[in-house]
């Protein structure tokens, strides 16, 4: 049984790294494209690689903590898909707020927005699947059993 738990932890951690790298790549692509890259061949690949590495590092810590913490009943596809979208949207929102308020002194707004977007997406998933998992024991206990 310990081998199965170790295997599940390794799979979730590696999927978290990949999903963080995907989110970081998307953010780097959007930021690089918004600063004047007219087509995909003129992208600065160093920026995209750095975005993937930073996203992967965040994925190492945030993904398994959420997956094994309070999102145990959430399907894996929804967990990674919606948290990627939440992280990307939060990062872009933080980037926009930092640029608009002229308080862009590093990557604080970008990282904070990404973590906030991830946390909001995770909280939404927890809220949605909390209700369905808490109702099922009540429904089965309240239904009368038919004995023959």
N, C-alpha and C. Protein backbone atom coordinates (compact mmCIF):
# COMPACT_ATOMS: atom_id res chain seq x y z
N UNK A 1 0.82 -1.19 0.00
CA UNK A 1 0.00 0.00 0.00
C UNK A 1 0.87 1.26 0.00
N UNK A 2 2.01 1.22 0.64
CA UNK A 2 2.88 2.39 0.68
C UNK A 2 3.43 2.70 -0.71
N UNK A 3 3.63 1.65 -1.52
CA UNK A 3 4.10 1.87 -2.88
C UNK A 3 3.07 2.61 -3.70
N UNK A 4 1.80 2.31 -3.51
CA UNK A 4 0.74 2.99 -4.23
C UNK A 4 0.66 4.46 -3.84
N UNK A 5 0.79 4.77 -2.58
CA UNK A 5 0.76 6.16 -2.12
C UNK A 5 1.97 6.93 -2.63
N UNK A 6 3.12 6.29 -2.62
CA UNK A 6 4.32 6.93 -3.14
C UNK A 6 4.20 7.18 -4.63
N UNK A 7 3.63 6.22 -5.33
CA UNK A 7 3.43 6.39 -6.78
C UNK A 7 2.45 7.52 -7.06
N UNK A 8 1.36 7.59 -6.32
CA UNK A 8 0.39 8.67 -6.50
C UNK A 8 1.01 10.02 -6.20
N UNK A 9 1.82 10.09 -5.16
CA UNK A 9 2.49 11.35 -4.82
C UNK A 9 3.46 11.76 -5.91
N UNK A 10 4.17 10.81 -6.48
CA UNK A 10 5.11 11.14 -7.56
C UNK A 10 4.37 11.60 -8.81
N UNK A 11 3.25 10.97 -9.13
CA UNK A 11 2.47 11.36 -10.31
C UNK A 11 1.87 12.74 -10.13
N UNK A 12 1.28 13.00 -8.97
CA UNK A 12 0.68 14.32 -8.71
C UNK A 12 1.75 15.41 -8.71
N UNK A 13 2.90 15.13 -8.12
CA UNK A 13 3.97 16.14 -8.10
C UNK A 13 4.49 16.42 -9.50
N UNK A 14 4.69 15.39 -10.31
CA UNK A 14 5.17 15.62 -11.67
C UNK A 14 4.12 16.33 -12.52
N UNK A 15 2.85 16.00 -12.34
CA UNK A 15 1.80 16.71 -13.07
C UNK A 15 1.70 18.15 -12.61
N UNK A 16 1.98 18.42 -11.35
CA UNK A 16 1.97 19.79 -10.84
C UNK A 16 3.11 20.60 -11.45
N UNK A 17 4.27 19.98 -11.60
CA UNK A 17 5.39 20.68 -12.22
C UNK A 17 5.06 21.02 -13.67
N UNK A 18 4.48 20.06 -14.39
CA UNK A 18 4.14 20.29 -15.79
C UNK A 18 3.05 21.35 -15.92
N UNK A 19 2.04 21.30 -15.07
CA UNK A 19 0.97 22.30 -15.17
C UNK A 19 1.47 23.69 -14.77
N UNK A 20 2.37 23.78 -13.80
CA UNK A 20 2.97 25.07 -13.47
C UNK A 20 3.81 25.60 -14.61
N UNK A 21 4.53 24.70 -15.29
CA UNK A 21 5.33 25.12 -16.44
C UNK A 21 4.44 25.57 -17.59
N UNK A 22 3.31 24.92 -17.77
CA UNK A 22 2.36 25.34 -18.80
C UNK A 22 1.82 26.74 -18.49
N UNK A 23 1.45 26.95 -17.24
CA UNK A 23 0.94 28.27 -16.85
C UNK A 23 2.02 29.34 -17.01
N UNK A 24 3.24 29.04 -16.61
CA UNK A 24 4.33 30.00 -16.77
C UNK A 24 4.64 30.29 -18.23
N UNK A 25 4.56 29.28 -19.07
CA UNK A 25 4.78 29.47 -20.50
C UNK A 25 3.70 30.34 -21.11
N UNK A 26 2.44 30.09 -20.73
CA UNK A 26 1.34 30.91 -21.25
C UNK A 26 1.50 32.37 -20.83
N UNK A 27 1.85 32.59 -19.59
CA UNK A 27 2.04 33.97 -19.11
C UNK A 27 3.19 34.65 -19.85
N UNK A 28 4.30 33.94 -19.99
CA UNK A 28 5.45 34.53 -20.69
C UNK A 28 5.12 34.80 -22.15
N UNK A 29 4.37 33.90 -22.77
CA UNK A 29 3.97 34.10 -24.16
C UNK A 29 3.07 35.33 -24.30
N UNK A 30 2.11 35.47 -23.40
CA UNK A 30 1.18 36.61 -23.46
C UNK A 30 1.93 37.92 -23.21
N UNK A 31 2.80 37.94 -22.21
CA UNK A 31 3.54 39.16 -21.91
C UNK A 31 4.49 39.51 -23.06
N UNK A 32 5.19 38.51 -23.58
CA UNK A 32 6.12 38.78 -24.68
C UNK A 32 5.37 39.22 -25.93
N UNK A 33 4.23 38.63 -26.19
CA UNK A 33 3.44 39.02 -27.36
C UNK A 33 2.86 40.42 -27.20
N UNK A 34 2.50 40.78 -25.97
CA UNK A 34 1.93 42.11 -25.76
C UNK A 34 2.98 43.22 -25.87
N UNK A 35 4.26 42.86 -25.72
CA UNK A 35 5.31 43.86 -25.86
C UNK A 35 5.87 43.95 -27.27
N UNK A 36 5.17 43.40 -28.24
CA UNK A 36 5.55 43.67 -29.61
C UNK A 36 6.03 42.52 -30.45
N UNK A 37 5.95 41.29 -29.99
CA UNK A 37 6.31 40.17 -30.85
C UNK A 37 5.17 39.95 -31.84
N UNK A 38 5.35 40.29 -33.14
CA UNK A 38 4.24 40.23 -34.08
C UNK A 38 3.81 38.81 -34.44
N UNK A 39 4.69 37.87 -34.38
CA UNK A 39 4.30 36.49 -34.67
C UNK A 39 5.17 35.55 -33.84
N UNK A 40 4.84 34.30 -33.86
CA UNK A 40 5.46 33.34 -32.94
C UNK A 40 6.94 33.13 -33.23
N UNK A 41 7.41 33.40 -34.44
CA UNK A 41 8.81 33.15 -34.76
C UNK A 41 9.75 34.21 -34.18
N UNK A 42 9.22 35.35 -33.77
CA UNK A 42 10.08 36.37 -33.20
C UNK A 42 10.00 36.43 -31.68
N UNK A 43 9.45 35.39 -31.06
CA UNK A 43 9.39 35.35 -29.61
C UNK A 43 10.78 35.21 -29.01
N UNK A 44 10.97 35.79 -27.88
CA UNK A 44 12.20 35.62 -27.14
C UNK A 44 12.08 34.33 -26.34
N UNK A 45 12.72 33.27 -26.79
CA UNK A 45 12.55 31.97 -26.16
C UNK A 45 13.13 31.91 -24.76
N UNK A 46 14.06 32.79 -24.44
CA UNK A 46 14.60 32.83 -23.08
C UNK A 46 13.51 33.25 -22.10
N UNK A 47 12.69 34.20 -22.49
CA UNK A 47 11.59 34.65 -21.63
C UNK A 47 10.60 33.51 -21.39
N UNK A 48 10.29 32.78 -22.44
CA UNK A 48 9.35 31.66 -22.32
C UNK A 48 9.95 30.56 -21.45
N UNK A 49 11.23 30.28 -21.60
CA UNK A 49 11.87 29.25 -20.78
C UNK A 49 11.92 29.66 -19.31
N UNK A 50 12.22 30.91 -19.05
CA UNK A 50 12.24 31.39 -17.66
C UNK A 50 10.83 31.31 -17.06
N UNK A 51 9.82 31.67 -17.86
CA UNK A 51 8.44 31.55 -17.38
C UNK A 51 8.07 30.12 -17.06
N UNK A 52 8.50 29.18 -17.89
CA UNK A 52 8.21 27.77 -17.63
C UNK A 52 8.93 27.28 -16.37
N UNK A 53 10.18 27.72 -16.18
CA UNK A 53 10.91 27.29 -14.99
C UNK A 53 10.29 27.86 -13.71
N UNK A 54 9.94 29.12 -13.74
CA UNK A 54 9.33 29.73 -12.55
C UNK A 54 7.97 29.11 -12.27
N UNK A 55 7.18 28.88 -13.32
CA UNK A 55 5.89 28.21 -13.13
C UNK A 55 6.04 26.80 -12.60
N UNK A 56 7.07 26.08 -13.07
CA UNK A 56 7.32 24.73 -12.56
C UNK A 56 7.70 24.73 -11.09
N UNK A 57 8.48 25.71 -10.67
CA UNK A 57 8.85 25.80 -9.25
C UNK A 57 7.62 26.09 -8.40
N UNK A 58 6.77 27.00 -8.86
CA UNK A 58 5.53 27.25 -8.12
C UNK A 58 4.64 26.01 -8.12
N UNK A 59 4.64 25.26 -9.22
CA UNK A 59 3.85 24.04 -9.29
C UNK A 59 4.30 22.97 -8.31
N UNK A 60 5.60 22.92 -8.03
CA UNK A 60 6.11 21.94 -7.07
C UNK A 60 5.47 22.14 -5.70
N UNK A 61 5.32 23.39 -5.30
CA UNK A 61 4.82 23.67 -3.96
C UNK A 61 3.30 23.77 -3.89
N UNK A 62 2.70 24.45 -4.85
CA UNK A 62 1.26 24.69 -4.76
C UNK A 62 0.42 23.48 -5.17
N UNK A 63 0.84 22.78 -6.20
CA UNK A 63 0.04 21.67 -6.72
C UNK A 63 -0.18 20.53 -5.74
N UNK A 64 0.88 19.91 -5.22
CA UNK A 64 0.66 18.82 -4.27
C UNK A 64 -0.01 19.26 -2.97
N UNK A 65 0.27 20.48 -2.53
CA UNK A 65 -0.37 20.97 -1.31
C UNK A 65 -1.88 21.06 -1.50
N UNK A 66 -2.31 21.54 -2.65
CA UNK A 66 -3.74 21.63 -2.92
C UNK A 66 -4.34 20.26 -3.21
N UNK A 67 -3.66 19.45 -4.01
CA UNK A 67 -4.21 18.15 -4.41
C UNK A 67 -4.34 17.19 -3.23
N UNK A 68 -3.36 17.16 -2.36
CA UNK A 68 -3.43 16.25 -1.22
C UNK A 68 -4.03 16.91 0.01
N UNK A 69 -4.20 18.21 -0.02
CA UNK A 69 -4.76 18.91 1.12
C UNK A 69 -6.26 18.92 1.12
N UNK A 70 -6.85 19.88 0.45
CA UNK A 70 -8.30 20.05 0.53
C UNK A 70 -9.02 19.78 -0.79
N UNK A 71 -8.30 19.33 -1.79
CA UNK A 71 -8.94 19.04 -3.08
C UNK A 71 -8.83 17.55 -3.42
N UNK A 72 -9.00 16.71 -2.44
CA UNK A 72 -8.83 15.27 -2.66
C UNK A 72 -9.94 14.67 -3.50
N UNK A 73 -11.12 15.24 -3.48
CA UNK A 73 -12.25 14.67 -4.21
C UNK A 73 -12.48 15.31 -5.57
N UNK A 74 -11.61 16.21 -5.94
CA UNK A 74 -11.74 16.90 -7.24
C UNK A 74 -11.08 16.04 -8.31
N UNK A 75 -11.73 15.86 -9.46
CA UNK A 75 -11.08 15.12 -10.55
C UNK A 75 -9.79 15.81 -10.98
N UNK A 76 -8.81 15.00 -11.35
CA UNK A 76 -7.48 15.51 -11.67
C UNK A 76 -7.50 16.49 -12.84
N UNK A 77 -8.26 16.18 -13.86
CA UNK A 77 -8.32 17.07 -15.02
C UNK A 77 -8.85 18.44 -14.68
N UNK A 78 -9.90 18.48 -13.88
CA UNK A 78 -10.44 19.77 -13.45
C UNK A 78 -9.48 20.49 -12.52
N UNK A 79 -8.83 19.75 -11.66
CA UNK A 79 -7.89 20.37 -10.73
C UNK A 79 -6.80 21.11 -11.47
N UNK A 80 -6.15 20.44 -12.41
CA UNK A 80 -5.04 21.08 -13.10
C UNK A 80 -5.51 22.07 -14.15
N UNK A 81 -6.59 21.77 -14.85
CA UNK A 81 -7.08 22.69 -15.88
C UNK A 81 -7.54 24.02 -15.31
N UNK A 82 -8.34 23.97 -14.27
CA UNK A 82 -8.88 25.22 -13.72
C UNK A 82 -7.86 25.99 -12.91
N UNK A 83 -6.94 25.31 -12.26
CA UNK A 83 -5.92 26.06 -11.53
C UNK A 83 -4.91 26.69 -12.49
N UNK A 84 -4.66 26.06 -13.64
CA UNK A 84 -3.81 26.70 -14.66
C UNK A 84 -4.48 27.99 -15.13
N UNK A 85 -5.75 27.90 -15.47
CA UNK A 85 -6.47 29.10 -15.93
C UNK A 85 -6.52 30.17 -14.85
N UNK A 86 -6.75 29.77 -13.62
CA UNK A 86 -6.79 30.73 -12.52
C UNK A 86 -5.45 31.41 -12.31
N UNK A 87 -4.37 30.63 -12.39
CA UNK A 87 -3.03 31.21 -12.21
C UNK A 87 -2.68 32.16 -13.35
N UNK A 88 -3.03 31.79 -14.58
CA UNK A 88 -2.73 32.66 -15.71
C UNK A 88 -3.53 33.95 -15.62
N UNK A 89 -4.82 33.85 -15.34
CA UNK A 89 -5.66 35.06 -15.23
C UNK A 89 -5.21 35.94 -14.07
N UNK A 90 -4.88 35.35 -12.94
CA UNK A 90 -4.40 36.12 -11.80
C UNK A 90 -3.07 36.79 -12.08
N UNK A 91 -2.18 36.10 -12.77
CA UNK A 91 -0.89 36.68 -13.12
C UNK A 91 -1.06 37.87 -14.06
N UNK A 92 -1.90 37.71 -15.05
CA UNK A 92 -2.11 38.80 -15.99
C UNK A 92 -2.80 39.98 -15.30
N UNK A 93 -3.70 39.70 -14.38
CA UNK A 93 -4.34 40.78 -13.63
C UNK A 93 -3.33 41.51 -12.75
N UNK A 94 -2.47 40.75 -12.08
CA UNK A 94 -1.42 41.37 -11.27
C UNK A 94 -0.44 42.16 -12.10
N UNK A 95 -0.11 41.66 -13.28
CA UNK A 95 0.78 42.38 -14.18
C UNK A 95 0.14 43.69 -14.64
N UNK A 96 -1.15 43.64 -14.96
CA UNK A 96 -1.85 44.86 -15.39
C UNK A 96 -1.98 45.88 -14.28
N UNK A 97 -2.27 45.43 -13.07
CA UNK A 97 -2.38 46.35 -11.94
C UNK A 97 -1.02 46.97 -11.63
N UNK A 98 0.02 46.17 -11.68
CA UNK A 98 1.36 46.69 -11.41
C UNK A 98 1.80 47.72 -12.43
N UNK A 99 1.47 47.49 -13.69
CA UNK A 99 1.85 48.46 -14.74
C UNK A 99 0.99 49.70 -14.69
N UNK A 100 -0.29 49.55 -14.40
CA UNK A 100 -1.19 50.70 -14.39
C UNK A 100 -0.96 51.61 -13.19
N UNK A 101 -0.59 51.04 -12.06
CA UNK A 101 -0.40 51.86 -10.86
C UNK A 101 1.04 52.36 -10.72
N UNK A 102 1.88 52.04 -11.67
CA UNK A 102 3.29 52.45 -11.66
C UNK A 102 4.01 51.99 -10.40
N UNK A 103 3.56 50.89 -9.87
CA UNK A 103 4.23 50.29 -8.71
C UNK A 103 4.95 49.01 -9.10
N UNK A 104 5.32 48.92 -10.34
CA UNK A 104 5.94 47.70 -10.85
C UNK A 104 7.42 47.71 -10.49
N UNK A 105 7.72 47.20 -9.32
CA UNK A 105 9.10 47.18 -8.85
C UNK A 105 9.57 45.73 -8.71
N UNK A 106 9.54 45.02 -9.77
CA UNK A 106 9.95 43.62 -9.73
C UNK A 106 8.79 42.74 -10.13
N UNK A 107 8.81 41.54 -9.59
CA UNK A 107 7.81 40.56 -9.96
C UNK A 107 6.79 40.29 -8.85
N UNK A 108 6.68 41.21 -7.91
CA UNK A 108 5.78 41.01 -6.78
C UNK A 108 4.32 40.93 -7.25
N UNK A 109 3.94 41.82 -8.13
CA UNK A 109 2.55 41.82 -8.61
C UNK A 109 2.27 40.59 -9.45
N UNK A 110 3.24 40.16 -10.25
CA UNK A 110 3.04 38.99 -11.10
C UNK A 110 2.91 37.73 -10.25
N UNK A 111 3.83 37.52 -9.32
CA UNK A 111 3.79 36.33 -8.49
C UNK A 111 2.58 36.34 -7.55
N UNK A 112 2.30 37.49 -6.97
CA UNK A 112 1.13 37.59 -6.08
C UNK A 112 -0.17 37.35 -6.82
N UNK A 113 -0.29 37.90 -8.01
CA UNK A 113 -1.50 37.68 -8.79
C UNK A 113 -1.65 36.24 -9.21
N UNK A 114 -0.55 35.58 -9.58
CA UNK A 114 -0.61 34.17 -9.95
C UNK A 114 -1.02 33.29 -8.79
N UNK A 115 -0.45 33.56 -7.62
CA UNK A 115 -0.82 32.76 -6.45
C UNK A 115 -2.26 33.02 -6.03
N UNK A 116 -2.70 34.28 -6.13
CA UNK A 116 -4.08 34.60 -5.80
C UNK A 116 -5.04 33.93 -6.78
N UNK A 117 -4.72 33.95 -8.07
CA UNK A 117 -5.57 33.28 -9.05
C UNK A 117 -5.63 31.78 -8.83
N UNK A 118 -4.48 31.17 -8.50
CA UNK A 118 -4.46 29.75 -8.19
C UNK A 118 -5.32 29.45 -6.97
N UNK A 119 -5.17 30.25 -5.93
CA UNK A 119 -5.94 30.02 -4.69
C UNK A 119 -7.43 30.21 -4.91
N UNK A 120 -7.81 31.20 -5.69
CA UNK A 120 -9.24 31.40 -5.98
C UNK A 120 -9.81 30.25 -6.79
N UNK A 121 -9.06 29.75 -7.76
CA UNK A 121 -9.52 28.61 -8.54
C UNK A 121 -9.63 27.36 -7.66
N UNK A 122 -8.67 27.17 -6.77
CA UNK A 122 -8.71 26.02 -5.86
C UNK A 122 -9.87 26.14 -4.88
N UNK A 123 -10.13 27.34 -4.39
CA UNK A 123 -11.26 27.54 -3.47
C UNK A 123 -12.58 27.30 -4.18
N UNK A 124 -12.68 27.71 -5.43
CA UNK A 124 -13.89 27.46 -6.19
C UNK A 124 -14.11 25.96 -6.38
N UNK A 125 -13.05 25.24 -6.72
CA UNK A 125 -13.17 23.79 -6.88
C UNK A 125 -13.53 23.12 -5.56
N UNK A 126 -12.93 23.56 -4.48
CA UNK A 126 -13.26 22.99 -3.17
C UNK A 126 -14.73 23.22 -2.84
N UNK A 127 -15.20 24.42 -3.09
CA UNK A 127 -16.60 24.74 -2.79
C UNK A 127 -17.54 23.91 -3.64
N UNK A 128 -17.22 23.73 -4.89
CA UNK A 128 -18.10 22.99 -5.79
C UNK A 128 -18.15 21.51 -5.42
N UNK A 129 -17.03 20.90 -5.14
CA UNK A 129 -17.01 19.47 -4.85
C UNK A 129 -17.20 19.16 -3.38
N UNK A 130 -17.22 20.14 -2.52
CA UNK A 130 -17.53 19.93 -1.12
C UNK A 130 -18.98 19.56 -0.95
N UNK A 131 -19.85 20.25 -1.69
CA UNK A 131 -21.27 20.01 -1.57
C UNK A 131 -21.66 18.63 -2.07
N UNK A 132 -21.10 18.21 -3.19
CA UNK A 132 -21.48 16.91 -3.73
C UNK A 132 -20.96 15.77 -2.87
N UNK A 133 -19.78 15.93 -2.25
CA UNK A 133 -19.26 14.85 -1.41
C UNK A 133 -19.93 14.83 -0.05
N UNK A 134 -20.43 15.96 0.44
CA UNK A 134 -21.07 15.97 1.75
C UNK A 134 -22.53 15.53 1.66
N UNK A 135 -23.15 15.63 0.49
CA UNK A 135 -24.54 15.22 0.34
C UNK A 135 -24.68 13.71 0.17
N UNK A 136 -23.73 13.06 -0.43
CA UNK A 136 -23.90 11.65 -0.75
C UNK A 136 -24.09 10.75 0.47
N UNK A 137 -23.36 10.92 1.59
CA UNK A 137 -23.65 10.06 2.75
C UNK A 137 -25.02 10.36 3.35
N UNK A 138 -25.45 11.62 3.31
CA UNK A 138 -26.75 11.96 3.87
C UNK A 138 -27.87 11.35 3.04
N UNK A 139 -27.74 11.38 1.74
CA UNK A 139 -28.77 10.82 0.89
C UNK A 139 -28.87 9.31 1.06
N UNK A 140 -27.73 8.65 1.15
CA UNK A 140 -27.78 7.20 1.30
C UNK A 140 -28.29 6.80 2.68
N UNK A 141 -28.06 7.60 3.71
CA UNK A 141 -28.53 7.29 5.04
C UNK A 141 -30.02 7.60 5.19
N UNK A 142 -30.53 8.58 4.44
CA UNK A 142 -31.93 8.94 4.58
C UNK A 142 -32.85 8.09 3.73
N UNK A 143 -32.34 7.38 2.75
CA UNK A 143 -33.18 6.54 1.92
C UNK A 143 -33.54 5.27 2.68
N UNK A 144 -34.79 4.91 2.66
CA UNK A 144 -35.18 3.69 3.36
C UNK A 144 -34.70 2.46 2.59
N UNK A 145 -34.28 1.48 3.34
CA UNK A 145 -33.82 0.25 2.70
C UNK A 145 -34.99 -0.71 2.56
N UNK A 146 -35.01 -1.42 1.48
CA UNK A 146 -36.09 -2.38 1.20
C UNK A 146 -35.55 -3.77 1.49
N UNK A 147 -36.17 -4.44 2.44
CA UNK A 147 -35.73 -5.80 2.80
C UNK A 147 -36.77 -6.77 2.34
N UNK A 148 -36.32 -7.86 1.80
CA UNK A 148 -37.26 -8.90 1.33
C UNK A 148 -37.12 -10.13 2.15
